[in-house]
Amino acid sequence: MIPCSRFLLAVVTGLACAVSARASGQRPSSMTVPTPALRVGAIDSMWSPTLQERRPYLVYTPPSYGAPTRVPRAYPVLTCSTVMHFHSVTGVLQMLSTGVGGTHAIPEMIVIAIPSPIAGADLTPTRVTKDPYGHPLPPGWDITGGNPNFLQFLKTELIPHVDSAYRTAPYRLFVGHSLGGLAVLNALYTIPETFNAYVANDPTLWFDDRLMVRMARDFFGKPAPPARTLFIAQANNITRTIGDGSQRQQHPGAQSIIKDANTTSGIRYG
């Protein structure tokens, strides 16, 4: 098996040779045969009575989805709160679930991603007008507090629509980054029955005077729907942000509160 570094080097070298050949007027033989476009996902849309607008969404189905089988398979559904990491998520899933490099670490999944015309509106739980220091919010943050409606759209409209259009298994994951991570935590607190697993990557915990951190003690001190999982991740964020202290400093405090309060919820946390 070729080590990953050697494989990447071979890919980069091959691309460099192809570009060099084109620049010098040579035509590599492999370019004489047209190749089909690479299809990563499909774009669809649906009308949302809750949001009062037509909302697009992206869909990725795993390689085996269209394979002929006697009994068609059903697949867990991973929902991304934004489209920012759609390619990254689908690529990692395909690698870890289809045996690339000898791995079959996770099941194949369907991936849904929802573009947000105004991320601050869709992904923030409350309406705010100032940052923690009393200053006006940065451009793009002028509309906040639409996350309850966005989550209602997911729960009552998009998920049933996807379940009717695709072969889905009864296991759902909700994944988000930054403001999307904030939305993941708010979903866990307010509609915990909707998803089985919640993954918040670098959530914007400073938002609204650390609202999600302040809500944690009460939520984790009560019973939650069974077999729920929460994973909070953070990496490589050492710059200061709008919030009090750096974003890096927000996570240990949240982790301590969750670990201390997670006595009766039954949520598996890491």
C-alpha atoms as a PDB file:
ATOM      1  CA  MET A   1       0.000   0.000   0.000  1.00  0.00           C
ATOM      2  CA  ILE A   2       1.342   3.474  -0.891  1.00  0.00           C
ATOM      3  CA  PRO A   3       1.778   5.716   2.177  1.00  0.00           C
ATOM      4  CA  CYS A   4      -0.515   8.745   2.175  1.00  0.00           C
ATOM      5  CA  SER A   5       2.378  11.207   1.790  1.00  0.00           C
ATOM      6  CA  ARG A   6       3.746   9.376  -1.252  1.00  0.00           C
ATOM      7  CA  PHE A   7       0.277   9.141  -2.752  1.00  0.00           C
ATOM      8  CA  LEU A   8      -0.311  12.880  -2.358  1.00  0.00           C
ATOM      9  CA  LEU A   9       3.133  13.599  -3.782  1.00  0.00           C
ATOM     10  CA  ALA A  10       2.312  11.471  -6.804  1.00  0.00           C
ATOM     11  CA  VAL A  11      -0.980  13.302  -7.331  1.00  0.00           C
ATOM     12  CA  VAL A  12       0.599  16.733  -7.032  1.00  0.00           C
ATOM     13  CA  THR A  13       3.476  15.771  -9.328  1.00  0.00           C
ATOM     14  CA  GLY A  14       1.040  14.435 -11.923  1.00  0.00           C
ATOM     15  CA  LEU A  15      -1.003  17.617 -11.823  1.00  0.00           C
ATOM     16  CA  ALA A  16       2.122  19.733 -12.117  1.00  0.00           C
ATOM     17  CA  CYS A  17       3.261  17.769 -15.179  1.00  0.00           C
ATOM     18  CA  ALA A  18      -0.137  18.178 -16.817  1.00  0.00           C
ATOM     19  CA  VAL A  19      -0.167  21.930 -16.206  1.00  0.00           C
ATOM     20  CA  SER A  20       3.414  22.257 -17.446  1.00  0.00           C
ATOM     21  CA  ALA A  21       2.585  20.333 -20.615  1.00  0.00           C
ATOM     22  CA  ARG A  22      -0.371  22.564 -21.360  1.00  0.00           C
ATOM     23  CA  ALA A  23       1.710  25.681 -20.773  1.00  0.00           C
ATOM     24  CA  SER A  24       4.368  24.478 -23.195  1.00  0.00           C
ATOM     25  CA  GLY A  25       1.848  23.651 -25.876  1.00  0.00           C
ATOM     26  CA  GLN A  26       2.067  19.891 -25.455  1.00  0.00           C
ATOM     27  CA  ARG A  27      -1.148  17.927 -25.146  1.00  0.00           C
ATOM     28  CA  PRO A  28      -0.983  15.033 -22.666  1.00  0.00           C
ATOM     29  CA  SER A  29      -2.492  11.922 -24.151  1.00  0.00           C
ATOM     30  CA  SER A  30      -4.862  11.512 -21.196  1.00  0.00           C
ATOM     31  CA  MET A  31      -6.485  14.832 -22.084  1.00  0.00           C
ATOM     32  CA  THR A  32      -7.515  13.653 -25.550  1.00  0.00           C
ATOM     33  CA  VAL A  33     -10.294  11.522 -24.040  1.00  0.00           C
ATOM     34  CA  PRO A  34     -13.194  13.526 -22.556  1.00  0.00           C
ATOM     35  CA  THR A  35     -14.033  12.500 -19.027  1.00  0.00           C
ATOM     36  CA  PRO A  36     -17.401  12.915 -17.296  1.00  0.00           C
ATOM     37  CA  ALA A  37     -17.830  15.573 -14.633  1.00  0.00           C
ATOM     38  CA  LEU A  38     -17.298  14.529 -11.030  1.00  0.00           C
ATOM     39  CA  ARG A  39     -20.619  14.554  -9.186  1.00  0.00           C
ATOM     40  CA  VAL A  40     -20.352  15.185  -5.458  1.00  0.00           C
ATOM     41  CA  GLY A  41     -23.981  15.892  -4.664  1.00  0.00           C
ATOM     42  CA  ALA A  42     -27.295  17.151  -5.946  1.00  0.00           C
ATOM     43  CA  ILE A  43     -29.128  20.429  -5.348  1.00  0.00           C
ATOM     44  CA  ASP A  44     -32.834  20.431  -4.542  1.00  0.00           C
ATOM     45  CA  SER A  45     -35.259  22.807  -2.867  1.00  0.00           C
ATOM     46  CA  MET A  46     -38.577  22.884  -1.065  1.00  0.00           C
ATOM     47  CA  TRP A  47     -41.100  25.485   0.006  1.00  0.00           C
ATOM     48  CA  SER A  48     -41.076  26.143   3.749  1.00  0.00           C
ATOM     49  CA  PRO A  49     -44.318  27.379   5.325  1.00  0.00           C
ATOM     50  CA  THR A  50     -42.354  28.080   8.510  1.00  0.00           C
ATOM     51  CA  LEU A  51     -39.726  30.254   6.832  1.00  0.00           C
ATOM     52  CA  GLN A  52     -42.117  31.523   4.147  1.00  0.00           C
ATOM     53  CA  GLU A  53     -39.621  30.975   1.359  1.00  0.00           C
ATOM     54  CA  ARG A  54     -38.232  28.278  -0.908  1.00  0.00           C
ATOM     55  CA  ARG A  55     -35.087  26.868   0.641  1.00  0.00           C
ATOM     56  CA  PRO A  56     -32.437  24.979  -1.331  1.00  0.00           C
ATOM     57  CA  TYR A  57     -30.506  22.070   0.132  1.00  0.00           C
ATOM     58  CA  LEU A  58     -27.637  19.839  -0.990  1.00  0.00           C
ATOM     59  CA  VAL A  59     -27.819  16.036  -0.927  1.00  0.00           C
ATOM     60  CA  TYR A  60     -24.988  13.514  -1.021  1.00  0.00           C
ATOM     61  CA  THR A  61     -25.766   9.834  -1.391  1.00  0.00           C
ATOM     62  CA  PRO A  62     -23.004   7.253  -0.759  1.00  0.00           C
ATOM     63  CA  PRO A  63     -21.476   5.164  -3.580  1.00  0.00           C
ATOM     64  CA  SER A  64     -23.560   2.102  -2.727  1.00  0.00           C
ATOM     65  CA  TYR A  65     -26.888   3.965  -2.770  1.00  0.00           C
ATOM     66  CA  GLY A  66     -27.649   3.093  -6.378  1.00  0.00           C
ATOM     67  CA  ALA A  67     -26.111  -0.389  -6.355  1.00  0.00           C
ATOM     68  CA  PRO A  68     -28.501  -3.171  -7.403  1.00  0.00           C
ATOM     69  CA  THR A  69     -29.377  -5.301  -4.391  1.00  0.00           C
ATOM     70  CA  ARG A  70     -32.208  -7.656  -3.558  1.00  0.00           C
ATOM     71  CA  VAL A  71     -33.058  -5.605  -0.474  1.00  0.00           C
ATOM     72  CA  PRO A  72     -32.229  -1.884  -0.904  1.00  0.00           C
ATOM     73  CA  ARG A  73     -30.239  -0.464   2.001  1.00  0.00           C
ATOM     74  CA  ALA A  74     -31.302   2.413   4.220  1.00  0.00           C
ATOM     75  CA  TYR A  75     -28.763   4.964   5.428  1.00  0.00           C
ATOM     76  CA  PRO A  76     -28.294   7.217   8.466  1.00  0.00           C
ATOM     77  CA  VAL A  77     -28.633  10.907   7.670  1.00  0.00           C
ATOM     78  CA  LEU A  78     -26.037  13.519   8.613  1.00  0.00           C
ATOM     79  CA  THR A  79     -27.370  17.076   8.445  1.00  0.00           C
ATOM     80  CA  CYS A  80     -24.913  19.985   8.162  1.00  0.00           C
ATOM     81  CA  SER A  81     -26.225  23.299   9.462  1.00  0.00           C
ATOM     82  CA  THR A  82     -24.458  25.105   6.588  1.00  0.00           C
ATOM     83  CA  VAL A  83     -22.904  24.210   3.229  1.00  0.00           C
ATOM     84  CA  MET A  84     -19.447  25.541   4.159  1.00  0.00           C
ATOM     85  CA  HIS A  85     -17.988  22.091   4.846  1.00  0.00           C
ATOM     86  CA  PHE A  86     -20.181  20.000   2.555  1.00  0.00           C
ATOM     87  CA  HIS A  87     -17.285  18.768   0.389  1.00  0.00           C
ATOM     88  CA  SER A  88     -15.080  18.123   3.417  1.00  0.00           C
ATOM     89  CA  VAL A  89     -17.739  16.152   5.265  1.00  0.00           C
ATOM     90  CA  THR A  90     -18.736  14.049   2.269  1.00  0.00           C
ATOM     91  CA  GLY A  91     -15.087  13.347   1.440  1.00  0.00           C
ATOM     92  CA  VAL A  92     -14.229  12.234   4.970  1.00  0.00           C
ATOM     93  CA  LEU A  93     -17.381  10.119   5.166  1.00  0.00           C
ATOM     94  CA  GLN A  94     -16.615   8.418   1.872  1.00  0.00           C
ATOM     95  CA  MET A  95     -13.068   7.670   2.994  1.00  0.00           C
ATOM     96  CA  LEU A  96     -14.031   6.307   6.413  1.00  0.00           C
ATOM     97  CA  SER A  97     -17.059   4.315   5.284  1.00  0.00           C
ATOM     98  CA  THR A  98     -16.046   2.707   1.984  1.00  0.00           C
ATOM     99  CA  GLY A  99     -12.748   1.108   2.907  1.00  0.00           C
ATOM    100  CA  VAL A 100     -10.379   3.680   1.395  1.00  0.00           C
ATOM    101  CA  GLY A 101      -7.014   2.946   2.989  1.00  0.00           C
ATOM    102  CA  GLY A 102      -8.436  -0.178   4.597  1.00  0.00           C
ATOM    103  CA  THR A 103     -10.937   1.620   6.822  1.00  0.00           C
ATOM    104  CA  HIS A 104     -14.557   0.763   7.456  1.00  0.00           C
ATOM    105  CA  ALA A 105     -14.802   2.906  10.564  1.00  0.00           C
ATOM    106  CA  ILE A 106     -18.337   4.240  10.163  1.00  0.00           C
ATOM    107  CA  PRO A 107     -21.481   3.405   8.180  1.00  0.00           C
ATOM    108  CA  GLU A 108     -22.149   5.007   4.829  1.00  0.00           C
ATOM    109  CA  MET A 109     -24.492   7.977   5.224  1.00  0.00           C
ATOM    110  CA  ILE A 110     -26.676  10.398   3.343  1.00  0.00           C
ATOM    111  CA  VAL A 111     -25.546  14.002   3.873  1.00  0.00           C
ATOM    112  CA  ILE A 112     -27.861  17.009   3.779  1.00  0.00           C
ATOM    113  CA  ALA A 113     -26.567  20.603   3.888  1.00  0.00           C
ATOM    114  CA  ILE A 114     -28.672  23.750   4.034  1.00  0.00           C
ATOM    115  CA  PRO A 115     -27.451  27.054   2.594  1.00  0.00           C
ATOM    116  CA  SER A 116     -28.271  30.042   4.773  1.00  0.00           C
ATOM    117  CA  PRO A 117     -28.950  33.356   3.018  1.00  0.00           C
ATOM    118  CA  ILE A 118     -28.078  35.104   6.287  1.00  0.00           C
ATOM    119  CA  ALA A 119     -26.179  32.788   8.637  1.00  0.00           C
ATOM    120  CA  GLY A 120     -26.672  35.056  11.618  1.00  0.00           C
ATOM    121  CA  ALA A 121     -30.425  34.820  11.195  1.00  0.00           C
ATOM    122  CA  ASP A 122     -30.678  31.042  10.740  1.00  0.00           C
ATOM    123  CA  LEU A 123     -28.110  29.945  13.290  1.00  0.00           C
ATOM    124  CA  THR A 124     -28.407  32.283  16.285  1.00  0.00           C
ATOM    125  CA  PRO A 125     -30.905  31.434  19.057  1.00  0.00           C
ATOM    126  CA  THR A 126     -31.785  34.939  20.231  1.00  0.00           C
ATOM    127  CA  ARG A 127     -32.006  38.506  18.989  1.00  0.00           C
ATOM    128  CA  VAL A 128     -29.023  40.652  19.970  1.00  0.00           C
ATOM    129  CA  THR A 129     -27.936  44.098  18.808  1.00  0.00           C
ATOM    130  CA  LYS A 130     -24.600  44.559  20.591  1.00  0.00           C
ATOM    131  CA  ASP A 131     -21.465  42.514  21.124  1.00  0.00           C
ATOM    132  CA  PRO A 132     -20.392  41.635  24.706  1.00  0.00           C
ATOM    133  CA  TYR A 133     -18.571  44.974  24.955  1.00  0.00           C
ATOM    134  CA  GLY A 134     -21.601  47.038  23.952  1.00  0.00           C
ATOM    135  CA  HIS A 135     -20.297  47.732  20.456  1.00  0.00           C
ATOM    136  CA  PRO A 136     -22.393  47.356  17.286  1.00  0.00           C
ATOM    137  CA  LEU A 137     -22.285  43.888  15.768  1.00  0.00           C
ATOM    138  CA  PRO A 138     -20.030  43.358  12.727  1.00  0.00           C
ATOM    139  CA  PRO A 139     -21.458  43.422   9.197  1.00  0.00           C
ATOM    140  CA  GLY A 140     -23.547  40.323   8.529  1.00  0.00           C
ATOM    141  CA  TRP A 141     -24.633  40.047  12.153  1.00  0.00           C
ATOM    142  CA  ASP A 142     -27.365  42.666  11.953  1.00  0.00           C
ATOM    143  CA  ILE A 143     -30.136  40.049  11.807  1.00  0.00           C
ATOM    144  CA  THR A 144     -30.071  37.451  14.584  1.00  0.00           C
ATOM    145  CA  GLY A 145     -32.455  35.192  16.458  1.00  0.00           C
ATOM    146  CA  GLY A 146     -33.924  33.066  13.670  1.00  0.00           C
ATOM    147  CA  ASN A 147     -32.633  29.698  14.858  1.00  0.00           C
ATOM    148  CA  PRO A 148     -35.901  28.567  16.522  1.00  0.00           C
ATOM    149  CA  ASN A 149     -37.706  28.912  13.172  1.00  0.00           C
ATOM    150  CA  PHE A 150     -34.807  27.257  11.336  1.00  0.00           C
ATOM    151  CA  LEU A 151     -34.886  24.275  13.710  1.00  0.00           C
ATOM    152  CA  GLN A 152     -38.652  24.030  13.309  1.00  0.00           C
ATOM    153  CA  PHE A 153     -38.120  23.925   9.545  1.00  0.00           C
ATOM    154  CA  LEU A 154     -35.603  21.095   9.975  1.00  0.00           C
ATOM    155  CA  LYS A 155     -37.784  19.072  12.329  1.00  0.00           C
ATOM    156  CA  THR A 156     -41.214  19.386  10.768  1.00  0.00           C
ATOM    157  CA  GLU A 157     -40.482  20.025   7.087  1.00  0.00           C
ATOM    158  CA  LEU A 158     -37.035  19.123   5.777  1.00  0.00           C
ATOM    159  CA  ILE A 159     -36.489  15.865   7.693  1.00  0.00           C
ATOM    160  CA  PRO A 160     -39.899  14.382   6.738  1.00  0.00           C
ATOM    161  CA  HIS A 161     -39.305  15.521   3.147  1.00  0.00           C
ATOM    162  CA  VAL A 162     -35.892  13.822   3.005  1.00  0.00           C
ATOM    163  CA  ASP A 163     -37.303  10.676   4.654  1.00  0.00           C
ATOM    164  CA  SER A 164     -39.955  10.460   1.941  1.00  0.00           C
ATOM    165  CA  ALA A 165     -37.537  11.082  -0.937  1.00  0.00           C
ATOM    166  CA  TYR A 166     -34.596   8.879   0.136  1.00  0.00           C
ATOM    167  CA  ARG A 167     -34.022   5.529   1.812  1.00  0.00           C
ATOM    168  CA  THR A 168     -33.186   6.810   5.271  1.00  0.00           C
ATOM    169  CA  ALA A 169     -32.494   4.842   8.435  1.00  0.00           C
ATOM    170  CA  PRO A 170     -33.878   6.018  11.799  1.00  0.00           C
ATOM    171  CA  TYR A 171     -30.596   7.535  12.948  1.00  0.00           C
ATOM    172  CA  ARG A 172     -29.828  11.222  12.447  1.00  0.00           C
ATOM    173  CA  LEU A 173     -26.780  13.359  13.184  1.00  0.00           C
ATOM    174  CA  PHE A 174     -26.638  17.162  13.326  1.00  0.00           C
ATOM    175  CA  VAL A 175     -23.226  18.746  12.694  1.00  0.00           C
ATOM    176  CA  GLY A 176     -22.246  22.410  12.719  1.00  0.00           C
ATOM    177  CA  HIS A 177     -19.211  24.679  12.907  1.00  0.00           C
ATOM    178  CA  SER A 178     -18.898  28.102  14.555  1.00  0.00           C
ATOM    179  CA  LEU A 179     -22.407  29.629  14.413  1.00  0.00           C
ATOM    180  CA  GLY A 180     -23.515  26.247  13.104  1.00  0.00           C
ATOM    181  CA  GLY A 181     -22.097  24.692  16.275  1.00  0.00           C
ATOM    182  CA  LEU A 182     -24.157  27.162  18.276  1.00  0.00           C
ATOM    183  CA  ALA A 183     -27.234  25.965  16.366  1.00  0.00           C
ATOM    184  CA  VAL A 184     -26.335  22.342  17.147  1.00  0.00           C
ATOM    185  CA  LEU A 185     -26.295  23.058  20.883  1.00  0.00           C
ATOM    186  CA  ASN A 186     -29.569  24.960  20.666  1.00  0.00           C
ATOM    187  CA  ALA A 187     -31.090  22.003  18.812  1.00  0.00           C
ATOM    188  CA  LEU A 188     -29.953  19.659  21.572  1.00  0.00           C
ATOM    189  CA  TYR A 189     -31.495  21.910  24.216  1.00  0.00           C
ATOM    190  CA  THR A 190     -34.779  22.619  22.433  1.00  0.00           C
ATOM    191  CA  ILE A 191     -35.539  19.659  20.123  1.00  0.00           C
ATOM    192  CA  PRO A 192     -33.407  16.822  21.589  1.00  0.00           C
ATOM    193  CA  GLU A 193     -35.728  14.158  20.211  1.00  0.00           C
ATOM    194  CA  THR A 194     -34.970  15.153  16.603  1.00  0.00           C
ATOM    195  CA  PHE A 195     -31.391  13.910  16.252  1.00  0.00           C
ATOM    196  CA  ASN A 196     -29.547  10.982  17.805  1.00  0.00           C
ATOM    197  CA  ALA A 197     -26.111  12.622  17.771  1.00  0.00           C
ATOM    198  CA  TYR A 198     -25.047  16.263  17.983  1.00  0.00           C
ATOM    199  CA  VAL A 199     -21.579  17.440  16.910  1.00  0.00           C
ATOM    200  CA  ALA A 200     -20.623  21.073  17.623  1.00  0.00           C
ATOM    201  CA  ASN A 201     -17.293  22.066  16.091  1.00  0.00           C
ATOM    202  CA  ASP A 202     -15.852  25.239  17.598  1.00  0.00           C
ATOM    203  CA  PRO A 203     -19.283  26.601  18.583  1.00  0.00           C
ATOM    204  CA  THR A 204     -19.599  30.345  19.090  1.00  0.00           C
ATOM    205  CA  LEU A 205     -20.106  30.033  22.820  1.00  0.00           C
ATOM    206  CA  TRP A 206     -19.672  33.727  23.599  1.00  0.00           C
ATOM    207  CA  PHE A 207     -22.942  34.594  21.822  1.00  0.00           C
ATOM    208  CA  ASP A 208     -25.560  36.424  23.918  1.00  0.00           C
ATOM    209  CA  ASP A 209     -23.549  36.461  27.119  1.00  0.00           C
ATOM    210  CA  ARG A 210     -22.663  32.733  26.815  1.00  0.00           C
ATOM    211  CA  LEU A 211     -26.310  31.709  26.569  1.00  0.00           C
ATOM    212  CA  MET A 212     -25.592  28.095  25.560  1.00  0.00           C
ATOM    213  CA  VAL A 213     -23.145  27.705  28.448  1.00  0.00           C
ATOM    214  CA  ARG A 214     -25.619  29.199  30.926  1.00  0.00           C
ATOM    215  CA  MET A 215     -28.368  26.847  29.715  1.00  0.00           C
ATOM    216  CA  ALA A 216     -26.144  23.773  30.028  1.00  0.00           C
ATOM    217  CA  ARG A 217     -26.447  23.223  33.776  1.00  0.00           C
ATOM    218  CA  ASP A 218     -30.226  23.138  33.706  1.00  0.00           C
ATOM    219  CA  PHE A 219     -30.462  20.976  30.559  1.00  0.00           C
ATOM    220  CA  PHE A 220     -27.938  18.341  31.602  1.00  0.00           C
ATOM    221  CA  GLY A 221     -29.432  18.090  35.064  1.00  0.00           C
ATOM    222  CA  LYS A 222     -32.712  16.687  33.691  1.00  0.00           C
ATOM    223  CA  PRO A 223     -33.549  13.447  31.844  1.00  0.00           C
ATOM    224  CA  ALA A 224     -33.105  13.650  28.075  1.00  0.00           C
ATOM    225  CA  PRO A 225     -34.360  11.345  25.306  1.00  0.00           C
ATOM    226  CA  PRO A 226     -32.481   8.031  25.501  1.00  0.00           C
ATOM    227  CA  ALA A 227     -29.349   7.182  23.531  1.00  0.00           C
ATOM    228  CA  ARG A 228     -28.334  10.754  22.687  1.00  0.00           C
ATOM    229  CA  THR A 229     -24.726  11.797  22.083  1.00  0.00           C
ATOM    230  CA  LEU A 230     -23.012  15.192  22.177  1.00  0.00           C
ATOM    231  CA  PHE A 231     -19.478  15.833  20.974  1.00  0.00           C
ATOM    232  CA  ILE A 232     -17.868  19.289  21.174  1.00  0.00           C
ATOM    233  CA  ALA A 233     -14.617  19.850  19.313  1.00  0.00           C
ATOM    234  CA  GLN A 234     -12.226  22.750  18.966  1.00  0.00           C
ATOM    235  CA  ALA A 235      -8.846  23.094  17.308  1.00  0.00           C
ATOM    236  CA  ASN A 236      -6.376  25.676  16.040  1.00  0.00           C
ATOM    237  CA  ASN A 237      -8.353  28.689  17.214  1.00  0.00           C
ATOM    238  CA  ILE A 238      -5.959  30.894  19.137  1.00  0.00           C
ATOM    239  CA  THR A 239      -7.044  34.305  17.871  1.00  0.00           C
ATOM    240  CA  ARG A 240      -9.177  36.615  19.958  1.00  0.00           C
ATOM    241  CA  THR A 241     -12.816  36.930  18.990  1.00  0.00           C
ATOM    242  CA  ILE A 242     -15.697  39.225  19.813  1.00  0.00           C
ATOM    243  CA  GLY A 243     -16.434  37.394  23.038  1.00  0.00           C
ATOM    244  CA  ASP A 244     -14.929  37.890  26.459  1.00  0.00           C
ATOM    245  CA  GLY A 245     -11.540  36.229  26.169  1.00  0.00           C
ATOM    246  CA  SER A 246     -10.647  34.094  23.195  1.00  0.00           C
ATOM    247  CA  GLN A 247     -12.894  31.468  21.739  1.00  0.00           C
ATOM    248  CA  ARG A 248     -10.299  28.968  22.919  1.00  0.00           C
ATOM    249  CA  GLN A 249     -10.951  29.993  26.525  1.00  0.00           C
ATOM    250  CA  GLN A 250     -14.715  29.474  26.244  1.00  0.00           C
ATOM    251  CA  HIS A 251     -14.601  25.715  25.779  1.00  0.00           C
ATOM    252  CA  PRO A 252     -12.968  24.551  29.035  1.00  0.00           C
ATOM    253  CA  GLY A 253     -15.618  26.432  31.008  1.00  0.00           C
ATOM    254  CA  ALA A 254     -18.417  24.847  29.017  1.00  0.00           C
ATOM    255  CA  GLN A 255     -16.850  21.413  29.351  1.00  0.00           C
ATOM    256  CA  SER A 256     -16.536  21.754  33.105  1.00  0.00           C
ATOM    257  CA  ILE A 257     -20.175  22.791  33.471  1.00  0.00           C
ATOM    258  CA  ILE A 258     -21.437  19.978  31.237  1.00  0.00           C
ATOM    259  CA  LYS A 259     -19.381  17.337  33.014  1.00  0.00           C
ATOM    260  CA  ASP A 260     -20.502  18.553  36.429  1.00  0.00           C
ATOM    261  CA  ALA A 261     -24.154  18.895  35.440  1.00  0.00           C
ATOM    262  CA  ASN A 262     -24.464  15.751  33.300  1.00  0.00           C
ATOM    263  CA  THR A 263     -25.826  13.665  36.154  1.00  0.00           C
ATOM    264  CA  THR A 264     -29.327  12.644  35.077  1.00  0.00           C
ATOM    265  CA  SER A 265     -29.586  13.521  31.371  1.00  0.00           C
ATOM    266  CA  GLY A 266     -28.152  10.203  30.193  1.00  0.00           C
ATOM    267  CA  ILE A 267     -26.405  11.959  27.320  1.00  0.00           C
ATOM    268  CA  ARG A 268     -23.095  10.460  26.240  1.00  0.00           C
ATOM    269  CA  TYR A 269     -20.691  13.403  26.098  1.00  0.00           C
ATOM    270  CA  GLY A 270     -17.162  13.906  24.861  1.00  0.00           C
END
